[in-house]
Amino acid sequence: MSIKKSIEYNKERTEYISEKFENIIQKLGEDPTREGLLKTPERAAKAMQYLTQGYEQDPAEVLRSALFQEDYSEMVLVKDIELYSLCEHHILPFFGKAHIAYIPNGTIVGLSKLPRVVDIFSRRLQVQERLTHQILNCIQDNLNPQGVAVVIEAQHMCMMMRGVEKQNSRTTTSAFTGVFEEVETRSEFLNLISSKLG
């Protein structure tokens, strides 16, 4: 149930989306029959299905597939998780890094499952604020830890390529539950994600 490097494309869906892209290309003033654009509608249709494959995957199932009982009650942190998503307002990419921590309450999860949860929610039409909370809530609901912390730092092409055109702007969102709502625990988490270890 992870994000796949290659996926099988539904023929009927691909043809439908391809036709729409061909119409869009034509309405923009281009000739969809010229050599460089002949296969573009189909490629774009497949790209959109790849970039939104998270709709067909269940992040809760991914987490539940690798839960282990363990007597460990200190912070577990996975930081610098790469993420790529599409802004739902302009269907332009935003990309950056997610940092996730939780404090177990008798249950831990396989570490690779946290980046997979990020991937599944990212591969949907998104806003960064919702994405942050979806990741947080999924972990909280399925691990029932003492607390969860999620911080996402991202650059948005809708701000860089159009609109205000600010090339160096970054957006940071955060969400916390449980013990991470306490200043001391939250500060430890924030210090760890900003430090370079080793």
N, C-alpha and C. Protein backbone atom coordinates (compact mmCIF):
# COMPACT_ATOMS: atom_id res chain seq x y z
N MET A 1 0.82 -1.21 0.00
CA MET A 1 0.00 0.00 0.00
C MET A 1 0.85 1.27 0.00
N SER A 2 2.09 1.20 -0.47
CA SER A 2 2.93 2.39 -0.51
C SER A 2 2.77 3.09 -1.86
N ILE A 3 3.31 4.30 -1.96
CA ILE A 3 3.31 5.00 -3.23
C ILE A 3 4.16 4.21 -4.21
N LYS A 4 3.62 3.94 -5.37
CA LYS A 4 4.30 3.06 -6.32
C LYS A 4 5.10 3.87 -7.34
N LYS A 5 6.28 3.33 -7.69
CA LYS A 5 7.11 3.98 -8.71
C LYS A 5 6.45 3.90 -10.08
N SER A 6 5.77 2.80 -10.34
CA SER A 6 5.02 2.66 -11.58
C SER A 6 3.67 2.07 -11.22
N ILE A 7 2.64 2.54 -11.86
CA ILE A 7 1.30 2.05 -11.55
C ILE A 7 0.63 1.59 -12.83
N GLU A 8 -0.38 0.75 -12.68
CA GLU A 8 -1.18 0.33 -13.82
C GLU A 8 -2.29 1.35 -14.01
N TYR A 9 -2.38 1.89 -15.21
CA TYR A 9 -3.33 2.94 -15.48
C TYR A 9 -4.62 2.37 -16.04
N ASN A 10 -5.73 2.82 -15.52
CA ASN A 10 -7.03 2.43 -16.04
C ASN A 10 -7.19 3.03 -17.43
N LYS A 11 -7.42 2.18 -18.42
CA LYS A 11 -7.46 2.63 -19.81
C LYS A 11 -8.57 3.66 -20.06
N GLU A 12 -9.76 3.37 -19.55
CA GLU A 12 -10.90 4.27 -19.78
C GLU A 12 -10.66 5.62 -19.12
N ARG A 13 -10.14 5.62 -17.90
CA ARG A 13 -9.86 6.87 -17.19
C ARG A 13 -8.78 7.66 -17.90
N THR A 14 -7.74 6.96 -18.36
CA THR A 14 -6.63 7.63 -19.05
C THR A 14 -7.11 8.29 -20.34
N GLU A 15 -7.93 7.59 -21.10
CA GLU A 15 -8.46 8.15 -22.34
C GLU A 15 -9.32 9.38 -22.07
N TYR A 16 -10.14 9.32 -21.03
CA TYR A 16 -11.03 10.44 -20.69
C TYR A 16 -10.21 11.68 -20.31
N ILE A 17 -9.22 11.49 -19.44
CA ILE A 17 -8.40 12.62 -18.99
C ILE A 17 -7.56 13.15 -20.15
N SER A 18 -7.04 12.25 -21.00
CA SER A 18 -6.24 12.65 -22.17
C SER A 18 -7.04 13.57 -23.08
N GLU A 19 -8.29 13.21 -23.30
CA GLU A 19 -9.15 14.02 -24.17
C GLU A 19 -9.32 15.42 -23.59
N LYS A 20 -9.47 15.52 -22.28
CA LYS A 20 -9.63 16.82 -21.64
C LYS A 20 -8.35 17.65 -21.79
N PHE A 21 -7.20 17.00 -21.61
CA PHE A 21 -5.93 17.72 -21.77
C PHE A 21 -5.74 18.19 -23.21
N GLU A 22 -6.14 17.37 -24.16
CA GLU A 22 -6.02 17.78 -25.57
C GLU A 22 -6.87 19.03 -25.83
N ASN A 23 -8.07 19.05 -25.26
CA ASN A 23 -8.93 20.23 -25.42
C ASN A 23 -8.32 21.46 -24.78
N ILE A 24 -7.73 21.28 -23.61
CA ILE A 24 -7.10 22.40 -22.91
C ILE A 24 -5.94 22.97 -23.73
N ILE A 25 -5.10 22.07 -24.25
CA ILE A 25 -3.96 22.50 -25.07
C ILE A 25 -4.44 23.31 -26.27
N GLN A 26 -5.51 22.84 -26.89
CA GLN A 26 -6.05 23.54 -28.06
C GLN A 26 -6.61 24.91 -27.66
N LYS A 27 -7.34 24.96 -26.56
CA LYS A 27 -7.94 26.23 -26.11
C LYS A 27 -6.87 27.24 -25.70
N LEU A 28 -5.69 26.76 -25.31
CA LEU A 28 -4.60 27.66 -24.95
C LEU A 28 -3.93 28.26 -26.18
N GLY A 29 -4.30 27.77 -27.36
CA GLY A 29 -3.76 28.33 -28.60
C GLY A 29 -2.69 27.48 -29.24
N GLU A 30 -2.48 26.27 -28.73
CA GLU A 30 -1.48 25.37 -29.30
C GLU A 30 -2.13 24.37 -30.24
N ASP A 31 -1.30 23.71 -31.01
CA ASP A 31 -1.76 22.68 -31.94
C ASP A 31 -1.43 21.31 -31.35
N PRO A 32 -2.43 20.60 -30.79
CA PRO A 32 -2.15 19.31 -30.16
C PRO A 32 -1.73 18.23 -31.15
N THR A 33 -1.80 18.53 -32.47
CA THR A 33 -1.40 17.53 -33.45
C THR A 33 0.06 17.69 -33.89
N ARG A 34 0.73 18.75 -33.43
CA ARG A 34 2.13 18.88 -33.83
C ARG A 34 2.98 17.85 -33.09
N GLU A 35 4.14 17.55 -33.67
CA GLU A 35 4.95 16.41 -33.22
C GLU A 35 5.24 16.42 -31.72
N GLY A 36 5.65 17.57 -31.20
CA GLY A 36 6.05 17.62 -29.79
C GLY A 36 4.91 17.43 -28.81
N LEU A 37 3.67 17.63 -29.30
CA LEU A 37 2.51 17.54 -28.40
C LEU A 37 1.63 16.32 -28.65
N LEU A 38 2.01 15.50 -29.63
CA LEU A 38 1.14 14.38 -30.00
C LEU A 38 0.81 13.46 -28.82
N LYS A 39 1.79 13.16 -28.00
CA LYS A 39 1.58 12.23 -26.89
C LYS A 39 1.44 12.95 -25.54
N THR A 40 1.46 14.27 -25.57
CA THR A 40 1.39 15.02 -24.32
C THR A 40 0.09 14.80 -23.55
N PRO A 41 -1.07 14.79 -24.19
CA PRO A 41 -2.30 14.56 -23.42
C PRO A 41 -2.28 13.23 -22.65
N GLU A 42 -1.81 12.18 -23.28
CA GLU A 42 -1.75 10.89 -22.59
C GLU A 42 -0.72 10.90 -21.46
N ARG A 43 0.44 11.51 -21.73
CA ARG A 43 1.47 11.59 -20.68
C ARG A 43 0.96 12.41 -19.50
N ALA A 44 0.27 13.52 -19.80
CA ALA A 44 -0.27 14.36 -18.72
C ALA A 44 -1.34 13.62 -17.93
N ALA A 45 -2.15 12.84 -18.63
CA ALA A 45 -3.20 12.07 -17.96
C ALA A 45 -2.59 11.05 -17.00
N LYS A 46 -1.54 10.40 -17.45
CA LYS A 46 -0.86 9.42 -16.59
C LYS A 46 -0.14 10.10 -15.43
N ALA A 47 0.45 11.26 -15.70
CA ALA A 47 1.13 12.00 -14.63
C ALA A 47 0.15 12.40 -13.54
N MET A 48 -1.02 12.88 -13.93
CA MET A 48 -2.01 13.30 -12.94
C MET A 48 -2.49 12.11 -12.11
N GLN A 49 -2.65 10.96 -12.74
CA GLN A 49 -3.07 9.77 -11.98
C GLN A 49 -1.97 9.33 -11.01
N TYR A 50 -0.73 9.44 -11.44
CA TYR A 50 0.40 9.08 -10.57
C TYR A 50 0.47 10.03 -9.38
N LEU A 51 0.32 11.33 -9.66
CA LEU A 51 0.47 12.34 -8.61
C LEU A 51 -0.71 12.39 -7.65
N THR A 52 -1.81 11.71 -7.99
CA THR A 52 -2.97 11.69 -7.09
C THR A 52 -3.33 10.26 -6.67
N GLN A 53 -2.38 9.35 -6.74
CA GLN A 53 -2.68 7.95 -6.40
C GLN A 53 -3.00 7.75 -4.93
N GLY A 54 -2.74 8.75 -4.10
CA GLY A 54 -3.05 8.64 -2.68
C GLY A 54 -4.53 8.46 -2.39
N TYR A 55 -5.40 8.87 -3.32
CA TYR A 55 -6.83 8.68 -3.13
C TYR A 55 -7.21 7.20 -3.04
N GLU A 56 -6.43 6.36 -3.66
CA GLU A 56 -6.76 4.94 -3.72
C GLU A 56 -6.02 4.12 -2.67
N GLN A 57 -5.40 4.79 -1.70
CA GLN A 57 -4.62 4.09 -0.68
C GLN A 57 -5.09 4.51 0.70
N ASP A 58 -4.96 3.61 1.66
CA ASP A 58 -5.44 3.82 3.01
C ASP A 58 -4.26 3.96 3.97
N PRO A 59 -3.96 5.18 4.43
CA PRO A 59 -2.81 5.36 5.31
C PRO A 59 -2.96 4.65 6.65
N ALA A 60 -4.19 4.54 7.14
CA ALA A 60 -4.41 3.83 8.40
C ALA A 60 -4.03 2.37 8.27
N GLU A 61 -4.36 1.77 7.13
CA GLU A 61 -4.01 0.37 6.88
C GLU A 61 -2.49 0.19 6.85
N VAL A 62 -1.79 1.17 6.27
CA VAL A 62 -0.33 1.11 6.23
C VAL A 62 0.24 1.09 7.65
N LEU A 63 -0.26 1.97 8.51
CA LEU A 63 0.23 2.00 9.89
C LEU A 63 -0.11 0.70 10.63
N ARG A 64 -1.33 0.24 10.48
CA ARG A 64 -1.77 -0.96 11.21
C ARG A 64 -1.02 -2.21 10.78
N SER A 65 -0.39 -2.16 9.59
CA SER A 65 0.32 -3.34 9.10
C SER A 65 1.66 -3.56 9.79
N ALA A 66 2.10 -2.57 10.60
CA ALA A 66 3.43 -2.69 11.21
C ALA A 66 3.44 -2.12 12.63
N LEU A 67 2.46 -2.51 13.44
CA LEU A 67 2.41 -2.10 14.84
C LEU A 67 3.04 -3.17 15.72
N PHE A 68 3.82 -2.73 16.70
CA PHE A 68 4.51 -3.67 17.59
C PHE A 68 4.37 -3.18 19.03
N GLN A 69 4.16 -4.13 19.93
CA GLN A 69 4.11 -3.80 21.35
C GLN A 69 5.54 -3.65 21.86
N GLU A 70 5.83 -2.50 22.45
CA GLU A 70 7.18 -2.24 22.93
C GLU A 70 7.13 -1.29 24.12
N ASP A 71 7.90 -1.62 25.15
CA ASP A 71 7.95 -0.79 26.35
C ASP A 71 8.99 0.32 26.15
N TYR A 72 8.61 1.29 25.35
CA TYR A 72 9.49 2.43 25.05
C TYR A 72 8.64 3.69 25.13
N SER A 73 9.06 4.64 25.93
CA SER A 73 8.21 5.82 26.15
C SER A 73 8.95 7.14 25.94
N GLU A 74 10.00 7.09 25.12
CA GLU A 74 10.72 8.32 24.77
C GLU A 74 10.33 8.74 23.35
N MET A 75 10.78 9.91 22.95
CA MET A 75 10.40 10.44 21.64
C MET A 75 10.99 9.62 20.50
N VAL A 76 10.15 9.35 19.50
CA VAL A 76 10.59 8.74 18.24
C VAL A 76 10.41 9.82 17.17
N LEU A 77 11.49 10.15 16.49
CA LEU A 77 11.47 11.26 15.53
C LEU A 77 11.99 10.78 14.18
N VAL A 78 11.22 11.06 13.13
CA VAL A 78 11.69 10.89 11.75
C VAL A 78 11.59 12.27 11.10
N LYS A 79 12.75 12.80 10.71
CA LYS A 79 12.73 14.16 10.16
C LYS A 79 13.23 14.18 8.72
N ASP A 80 13.03 15.31 8.08
CA ASP A 80 13.46 15.52 6.70
C ASP A 80 12.84 14.51 5.73
N ILE A 81 11.56 14.22 5.91
CA ILE A 81 10.85 13.33 4.99
C ILE A 81 10.44 14.15 3.77
N GLU A 82 10.96 13.82 2.62
CA GLU A 82 10.62 14.57 1.40
C GLU A 82 9.15 14.40 1.07
N LEU A 83 8.52 15.48 0.64
CA LEU A 83 7.13 15.37 0.20
C LEU A 83 6.91 16.21 -1.05
N TYR A 84 6.02 15.71 -1.89
CA TYR A 84 5.63 16.38 -3.13
C TYR A 84 4.12 16.29 -3.23
N SER A 85 3.48 17.42 -3.45
CA SER A 85 2.03 17.43 -3.52
C SER A 85 1.57 18.44 -4.56
N LEU A 86 0.25 18.50 -4.76
CA LEU A 86 -0.35 19.46 -5.68
C LEU A 86 -1.31 20.35 -4.92
N CYS A 87 -1.11 21.65 -5.04
CA CYS A 87 -2.01 22.62 -4.43
C CYS A 87 -3.39 22.52 -5.09
N GLU A 88 -4.41 22.38 -4.27
CA GLU A 88 -5.75 22.19 -4.84
C GLU A 88 -6.32 23.46 -5.46
N HIS A 89 -5.72 24.61 -5.19
CA HIS A 89 -6.26 25.86 -5.72
C HIS A 89 -5.82 26.12 -7.16
N HIS A 90 -4.60 25.69 -7.52
CA HIS A 90 -4.10 25.96 -8.87
C HIS A 90 -3.56 24.70 -9.56
N ILE A 91 -3.59 23.58 -8.85
CA ILE A 91 -3.01 22.31 -9.33
C ILE A 91 -1.57 22.53 -9.77
N LEU A 92 -0.84 23.25 -8.94
CA LEU A 92 0.60 23.43 -9.12
C LEU A 92 1.30 22.75 -7.95
N PRO A 93 2.54 22.30 -8.15
CA PRO A 93 3.22 21.55 -7.09
C PRO A 93 3.60 22.41 -5.89
N PHE A 94 3.60 21.77 -4.73
CA PHE A 94 4.35 22.28 -3.59
C PHE A 94 5.17 21.13 -3.04
N PHE A 95 6.33 21.45 -2.50
CA PHE A 95 7.27 20.40 -2.12
C PHE A 95 8.10 20.87 -0.94
N GLY A 96 8.59 19.93 -0.18
CA GLY A 96 9.40 20.28 0.98
C GLY A 96 9.68 19.08 1.84
N LYS A 97 9.65 19.30 3.16
CA LYS A 97 10.00 18.24 4.10
C LYS A 97 9.01 18.22 5.25
N ALA A 98 8.74 17.00 5.72
CA ALA A 98 7.91 16.81 6.90
C ALA A 98 8.79 16.25 8.02
N HIS A 99 8.49 16.66 9.24
CA HIS A 99 9.16 16.15 10.43
C HIS A 99 8.07 15.60 11.35
N ILE A 100 8.20 14.35 11.76
CA ILE A 100 7.17 13.69 12.56
C ILE A 100 7.81 13.09 13.81
N ALA A 101 7.15 13.31 14.94
CA ALA A 101 7.59 12.66 16.17
C ALA A 101 6.36 12.16 16.92
N TYR A 102 6.56 11.08 17.67
CA TYR A 102 5.51 10.62 18.58
C TYR A 102 6.17 10.01 19.81
N ILE A 103 5.43 9.97 20.89
CA ILE A 103 5.90 9.32 22.12
C ILE A 103 4.99 8.12 22.36
N PRO A 104 5.54 6.91 22.24
CA PRO A 104 4.72 5.70 22.32
C PRO A 104 4.01 5.54 23.66
N ASN A 105 2.93 4.81 23.60
CA ASN A 105 2.16 4.46 24.78
C ASN A 105 1.97 2.95 24.81
N GLY A 106 3.10 2.23 24.60
CA GLY A 106 3.07 0.77 24.56
C GLY A 106 3.07 0.19 23.16
N THR A 107 2.91 1.06 22.14
CA THR A 107 2.89 0.60 20.75
C THR A 107 3.81 1.47 19.91
N ILE A 108 4.67 0.82 19.12
CA ILE A 108 5.49 1.54 18.15
C ILE A 108 5.10 1.08 16.75
N VAL A 109 5.55 1.83 15.74
CA VAL A 109 5.25 1.49 14.34
C VAL A 109 6.57 1.40 13.58
N GLY A 110 6.62 0.53 12.58
CA GLY A 110 7.80 0.45 11.72
C GLY A 110 8.12 1.82 11.15
N LEU A 111 9.38 2.22 11.24
CA LEU A 111 9.76 3.59 10.90
C LEU A 111 9.42 3.97 9.46
N SER A 112 9.50 3.01 8.54
CA SER A 112 9.23 3.33 7.13
C SER A 112 7.77 3.69 6.89
N LYS A 113 6.90 3.34 7.84
CA LYS A 113 5.47 3.60 7.63
C LYS A 113 5.14 5.09 7.77
N LEU A 114 5.93 5.82 8.53
CA LEU A 114 5.64 7.26 8.68
C LEU A 114 5.85 8.02 7.37
N PRO A 115 6.98 7.81 6.66
CA PRO A 115 7.09 8.44 5.33
C PRO A 115 6.01 7.98 4.35
N ARG A 116 5.56 6.74 4.48
CA ARG A 116 4.51 6.26 3.58
C ARG A 116 3.19 6.98 3.83
N VAL A 117 2.90 7.26 5.10
CA VAL A 117 1.70 8.03 5.42
C VAL A 117 1.81 9.43 4.80
N VAL A 118 2.98 10.05 4.91
CA VAL A 118 3.20 11.36 4.29
C VAL A 118 2.95 11.27 2.79
N ASP A 119 3.49 10.25 2.14
CA ASP A 119 3.31 10.10 0.69
C ASP A 119 1.84 9.96 0.30
N ILE A 120 1.11 9.13 1.03
CA ILE A 120 -0.28 8.86 0.67
C ILE A 120 -1.12 10.13 0.76
N PHE A 121 -0.97 10.88 1.86
CA PHE A 121 -1.75 12.11 1.98
C PHE A 121 -1.25 13.19 1.02
N SER A 122 0.04 13.19 0.71
CA SER A 122 0.60 14.18 -0.21
C SER A 122 0.13 13.96 -1.64
N ARG A 123 -0.08 12.70 -2.01
CA ARG A 123 -0.48 12.38 -3.38
C ARG A 123 -1.99 12.54 -3.57
N ARG A 124 -2.48 13.68 -3.14
CA ARG A 124 -3.86 14.09 -3.32
C ARG A 124 -3.84 15.60 -3.56
N LEU A 125 -4.93 16.15 -4.06
CA LEU A 125 -5.02 17.61 -4.15
C LEU A 125 -5.10 18.13 -2.72
N GLN A 126 -4.21 19.05 -2.37
CA GLN A 126 -4.03 19.38 -0.97
C GLN A 126 -3.89 20.88 -0.72
N VAL A 127 -4.02 21.23 0.55
CA VAL A 127 -3.47 22.46 1.10
C VAL A 127 -2.55 22.01 2.24
N GLN A 128 -1.49 22.74 2.47
CA GLN A 128 -0.48 22.32 3.44
C GLN A 128 -1.06 22.21 4.85
N GLU A 129 -1.98 23.09 5.18
CA GLU A 129 -2.57 23.07 6.51
C GLU A 129 -3.34 21.77 6.77
N ARG A 130 -4.16 21.36 5.79
CA ARG A 130 -4.92 20.11 5.94
C ARG A 130 -3.98 18.92 5.98
N LEU A 131 -2.97 18.92 5.10
CA LEU A 131 -2.01 17.83 5.04
C LEU A 131 -1.36 17.60 6.40
N THR A 132 -0.98 18.68 7.06
CA THR A 132 -0.35 18.59 8.38
C THR A 132 -1.26 17.88 9.37
N HIS A 133 -2.52 18.27 9.39
CA HIS A 133 -3.46 17.67 10.34
C HIS A 133 -3.84 16.24 9.98
N GLN A 134 -3.93 15.94 8.69
CA GLN A 134 -4.25 14.56 8.29
C GLN A 134 -3.17 13.59 8.75
N ILE A 135 -1.92 13.97 8.58
CA ILE A 135 -0.80 13.12 9.03
C ILE A 135 -0.87 12.94 10.55
N LEU A 136 -1.03 14.05 11.26
CA LEU A 136 -1.09 14.02 12.72
C LEU A 136 -2.23 13.13 13.21
N ASN A 137 -3.43 13.33 12.67
CA ASN A 137 -4.59 12.59 13.14
C ASN A 137 -4.50 11.11 12.83
N CYS A 138 -3.94 10.77 11.68
CA CYS A 138 -3.79 9.37 11.31
C CYS A 138 -2.88 8.65 12.30
N ILE A 139 -1.78 9.26 12.67
CA ILE A 139 -0.85 8.66 13.62
C ILE A 139 -1.48 8.58 15.01
N GLN A 140 -2.11 9.66 15.43
CA GLN A 140 -2.75 9.69 16.75
C GLN A 140 -3.84 8.62 16.86
N ASP A 141 -4.68 8.51 15.84
CA ASP A 141 -5.81 7.58 15.88
C ASP A 141 -5.39 6.12 15.84
N ASN A 142 -4.29 5.81 15.17
CA ASN A 142 -3.92 4.41 14.97
C ASN A 142 -2.86 3.90 15.93
N LEU A 143 -2.05 4.79 16.50
CA LEU A 143 -1.04 4.36 17.47
C LEU A 143 -1.46 4.64 18.91
N ASN A 144 -2.39 5.59 19.07
CA ASN A 144 -2.81 6.02 20.39
C ASN A 144 -1.61 6.35 21.28
N PRO A 145 -0.69 7.18 20.79
CA PRO A 145 0.51 7.50 21.56
C PRO A 145 0.22 8.55 22.63
N GLN A 146 1.24 8.87 23.41
CA GLN A 146 1.09 9.94 24.40
C GLN A 146 1.00 11.31 23.72
N GLY A 147 1.49 11.40 22.51
CA GLY A 147 1.40 12.64 21.75
C GLY A 147 2.07 12.51 20.40
N VAL A 148 1.69 13.39 19.48
CA VAL A 148 2.25 13.43 18.12
C VAL A 148 2.60 14.87 17.78
N ALA A 149 3.68 15.05 17.05
CA ALA A 149 4.07 16.36 16.54
C ALA A 149 4.38 16.25 15.05
N VAL A 150 3.87 17.20 14.28
CA VAL A 150 4.13 17.23 12.83
C VAL A 150 4.46 18.67 12.44
N VAL A 151 5.58 18.85 11.75
CA VAL A 151 5.94 20.14 11.16
C VAL A 151 6.23 19.91 9.68
N ILE A 152 5.66 20.75 8.84
CA ILE A 152 5.93 20.69 7.40
C ILE A 152 6.48 22.04 6.95
N GLU A 153 7.58 21.99 6.20
CA GLU A 153 8.16 23.18 5.58
C GLU A 153 8.11 22.96 4.07
N ALA A 154 7.49 23.89 3.34
CA ALA A 154 7.32 23.66 1.90
C ALA A 154 7.41 24.95 1.10
N GLN A 155 7.77 24.77 -0.17
CA GLN A 155 7.75 25.86 -1.15
C GLN A 155 6.62 25.58 -2.12
N HIS A 156 5.89 26.63 -2.46
CA HIS A 156 4.69 26.50 -3.29
C HIS A 156 4.91 27.17 -4.65
N MET A 157 4.79 26.37 -5.70
CA MET A 157 4.98 26.93 -7.04
C MET A 157 3.91 27.96 -7.39
N CYS A 158 2.75 27.90 -6.75
CA CYS A 158 1.71 28.90 -7.03
C CYS A 158 2.12 30.27 -6.51
N MET A 159 3.08 30.31 -5.57
CA MET A 159 3.62 31.59 -5.11
C MET A 159 4.91 31.97 -5.84
N MET A 160 5.56 30.99 -6.46
CA MET A 160 6.85 31.22 -7.09
C MET A 160 6.72 31.50 -8.59
N MET A 161 5.80 30.81 -9.26
CA MET A 161 5.66 30.94 -10.71
C MET A 161 4.62 31.95 -11.13
N ARG A 162 3.67 32.24 -10.24
CA ARG A 162 2.55 33.13 -10.58
C ARG A 162 2.26 33.98 -9.35
N GLY A 163 1.23 34.81 -9.45
CA GLY A 163 0.83 35.60 -8.29
C GLY A 163 1.94 36.52 -7.81
N VAL A 164 2.33 36.37 -6.54
CA VAL A 164 3.33 37.27 -5.96
C VAL A 164 4.74 36.99 -6.45
N GLU A 165 4.98 35.80 -7.01
CA GLU A 165 6.28 35.41 -7.57
C GLU A 165 7.43 35.64 -6.59
N LYS A 166 7.30 35.11 -5.42
CA LYS A 166 8.35 35.20 -4.39
C LYS A 166 9.13 33.90 -4.37
N GLN A 167 10.34 33.92 -4.91
CA GLN A 167 11.11 32.71 -5.16
C GLN A 167 11.66 32.05 -3.91
N ASN A 168 11.89 32.80 -2.87
CA ASN A 168 12.55 32.24 -1.69
C ASN A 168 11.61 32.05 -0.50
N SER A 169 10.33 32.19 -0.73
CA SER A 169 9.39 32.05 0.39
C SER A 169 9.17 30.58 0.73
N ARG A 170 9.02 30.32 2.02
CA ARG A 170 8.71 28.99 2.51
C ARG A 170 7.54 29.09 3.48
N THR A 171 6.72 28.07 3.49
CA THR A 171 5.58 28.03 4.41
C THR A 171 5.80 26.91 5.41
N THR A 172 5.62 27.23 6.70
CA THR A 172 5.77 26.23 7.76
C THR A 172 4.44 26.07 8.47
N THR A 173 4.00 24.83 8.62
CA THR A 173 2.80 24.51 9.37
C THR A 173 3.16 23.49 10.44
N SER A 174 2.43 23.53 11.54
CA SER A 174 2.70 22.59 12.63
C SER A 174 1.41 22.20 13.32
N ALA A 175 1.44 21.02 13.94
CA ALA A 175 0.30 20.55 14.72
C ALA A 175 0.82 19.61 15.80
N PHE A 176 0.16 19.65 16.95
CA PHE A 176 0.63 18.88 18.11
C PHE A 176 -0.56 18.29 18.86
N THR A 177 -0.34 17.11 19.44
CA THR A 177 -1.34 16.53 20.34
C THR A 177 -0.63 16.06 21.61
N GLY A 178 -1.43 15.84 22.65
CA GLY A 178 -0.93 15.21 23.87
C GLY A 178 0.23 15.95 24.51
N VAL A 179 1.28 15.19 24.85
CA VAL A 179 2.40 15.76 25.59
C VAL A 179 3.16 16.81 24.77
N PHE A 180 2.99 16.81 23.46
CA PHE A 180 3.67 17.83 22.65
C PHE A 180 3.01 19.20 22.79
N GLU A 181 1.87 19.26 23.44
CA GLU A 181 1.26 20.54 23.73
C GLU A 181 1.93 21.21 24.94
N GLU A 182 2.76 20.44 25.66
CA GLU A 182 3.52 21.00 26.77
C GLU A 182 4.78 21.66 26.23
N VAL A 183 5.12 22.80 26.76
CA VAL A 183 6.22 23.62 26.24
C VAL A 183 7.54 22.85 26.21
N GLU A 184 7.86 22.11 27.26
CA GLU A 184 9.15 21.43 27.34
C GLU A 184 9.31 20.37 26.25
N THR A 185 8.28 19.55 26.06
CA THR A 185 8.35 18.48 25.06
C THR A 185 8.37 19.06 23.65
N ARG A 186 7.55 20.08 23.43
CA ARG A 186 7.51 20.72 22.11
C ARG A 186 8.86 21.35 21.79
N SER A 187 9.47 22.00 22.77
CA SER A 187 10.78 22.63 22.56
C SER A 187 11.85 21.60 22.23
N GLU A 188 11.81 20.45 22.90
CA GLU A 188 12.77 19.37 22.59
C GLU A 188 12.62 18.94 21.14
N PHE A 189 11.39 18.74 20.71
CA PHE A 189 11.11 18.34 19.32
C PHE A 189 11.63 19.39 18.34
N LEU A 190 11.30 20.64 18.57
CA LEU A 190 11.71 21.71 17.66
C LEU A 190 13.22 21.86 17.62
N ASN A 191 13.88 21.67 18.75
CA ASN A 191 15.34 21.72 18.77
C ASN A 191 15.95 20.57 17.98
N LEU A 192 15.35 19.39 18.10
CA LEU A 192 15.88 18.22 17.39
C LEU A 192 15.73 18.36 15.87
N ILE A 193 14.62 18.90 15.41
CA ILE A 193 14.44 18.98 13.95
C ILE A 193 15.30 20.09 13.34
N SER A 194 15.73 21.03 14.16
CA SER A 194 16.58 22.12 13.63
C SER A 194 18.06 21.83 13.79
N SER A 195 18.41 20.76 14.51
CA SER A 195 19.83 20.47 14.75
C SER A 195 20.36 19.50 13.72
N LYS A 196 21.66 19.55 13.52
CA LYS A 196 22.36 18.61 12.66
C LYS A 196 23.12 17.64 13.54
N LEU A 197 22.71 16.38 13.55
CA LEU A 197 23.37 15.38 14.39
C LEU A 197 24.47 14.69 13.61
N GLY A 198 25.58 14.38 14.28
CA GLY A 198 26.65 13.61 13.67
C GLY A 198 27.56 14.40 12.79
